[in-house]
Protein backbone atom coordinates (compact mmCIF):
# COMPACT_ATOMS: atom_id res chain seq x y z
CA MET A 1 104.97 28.18 66.04
CA SER A 2 104.48 30.62 63.19
CA ILE A 3 104.94 29.94 59.50
CA GLU A 4 107.81 32.44 59.48
CA ARG A 5 109.68 30.50 62.16
CA ILE A 6 109.08 27.18 60.41
CA ILE A 7 110.49 28.65 57.19
CA ARG A 8 113.60 29.90 59.03
CA ILE A 9 114.10 26.47 60.61
CA MET A 10 113.74 24.75 57.24
CA ALA A 11 116.15 27.18 55.55
CA GLY A 12 118.78 26.72 58.25
CA ALA A 13 118.40 22.93 58.20
CA PHE A 14 118.73 22.78 54.39
CA ILE A 15 121.87 24.94 54.43
CA LEU A 16 123.47 22.74 57.08
CA LEU A 17 122.33 19.57 55.28
CA SER A 18 123.88 20.72 52.01
CA LEU A 19 127.15 21.51 53.80
CA ALA A 20 127.16 18.09 55.47
CA LEU A 21 126.45 16.30 52.18
CA ALA A 22 129.20 18.22 50.39
CA HIS A 23 131.63 17.40 53.18
CA PHE A 24 130.83 13.68 53.39
CA MET A 25 130.83 13.28 49.58
CA GLY A 26 134.34 14.73 49.51
CA GLN A 27 133.36 17.89 47.65
CA ALA A 28 134.14 20.24 50.53
CA ASP A 29 136.91 20.21 53.09
CA LEU A 30 135.50 21.77 56.24
CA SER A 31 138.78 21.29 58.08
CA SER A 32 140.34 24.22 56.22
CA LEU A 33 139.33 27.85 56.57
CA SER A 34 136.94 28.68 53.76
CA TRP A 35 133.74 30.47 52.87
CA LEU A 36 131.85 27.30 53.77
CA TRP A 37 132.30 28.23 57.44
CA PHE A 38 130.42 31.46 56.72
CA THR A 39 127.62 29.41 55.15
CA ALA A 40 127.55 27.16 58.22
CA PHE A 41 127.35 30.23 60.48
CA ILE A 42 124.37 31.57 58.54
CA GLY A 43 122.64 28.19 58.64
CA LEU A 44 123.12 27.86 62.40
CA ASN A 45 121.81 31.38 62.96
CA LEU A 46 118.73 30.66 60.86
CA LEU A 47 118.11 27.47 62.78
CA GLN A 48 118.46 29.06 66.23
CA SER A 49 116.39 32.06 65.13
CA GLY A 50 113.57 29.76 64.10
CA PHE A 51 113.52 28.01 67.47
CA THR A 52 114.25 30.93 69.80
CA GLY A 53 112.89 33.95 67.93
CA PHE A 54 116.14 35.84 68.67
CA CYS A 55 117.49 37.48 65.52
CA PRO A 56 120.89 39.24 65.81
CA PRO A 57 120.45 41.28 62.59
CA GLU A 58 117.20 42.70 63.99
CA LYS A 59 119.04 44.12 67.00
CA LEU A 60 121.74 45.62 64.78
CA LEU A 61 119.25 47.21 62.39
CA LYS A 62 117.31 48.74 65.31
CA LYS A 63 120.53 50.35 66.58
CA LEU A 64 121.20 51.70 63.08
CA GLY A 65 117.83 53.47 63.14
CA PHE A 66 115.63 51.27 60.96
CA GLN A 67 111.96 51.13 61.91
CA GLU A 68 110.19 48.08 63.25
CA GLY A 69 107.22 46.50 61.56
CA GLY A 70 106.98 43.90 58.85
CA SER A 71 110.40 42.58 59.79
CA ALA A 72 111.25 39.02 58.88
CA CYS A 73 112.73 38.63 62.35
CA SER A 74 110.07 40.26 64.50
CA THR A 75 108.27 38.15 67.07
CA LYS A 76 105.01 39.18 68.64
């Protein structure tokens, strides 16, 4: 596993951990629609990207015409 993937896994885990702590400490109500759901979505995508190597933004950027190489999401 590459350093890049480990960093993505750690970032996703920390985002989800901070959301869970805020929820269980009563500082965030995840039962209502809020921007915290967007944060959770980003955290889950970071976590899955770290484990699987699949990065949805990479596919989108390729279709928009951006060049490959040096991408944070590229897997070799």
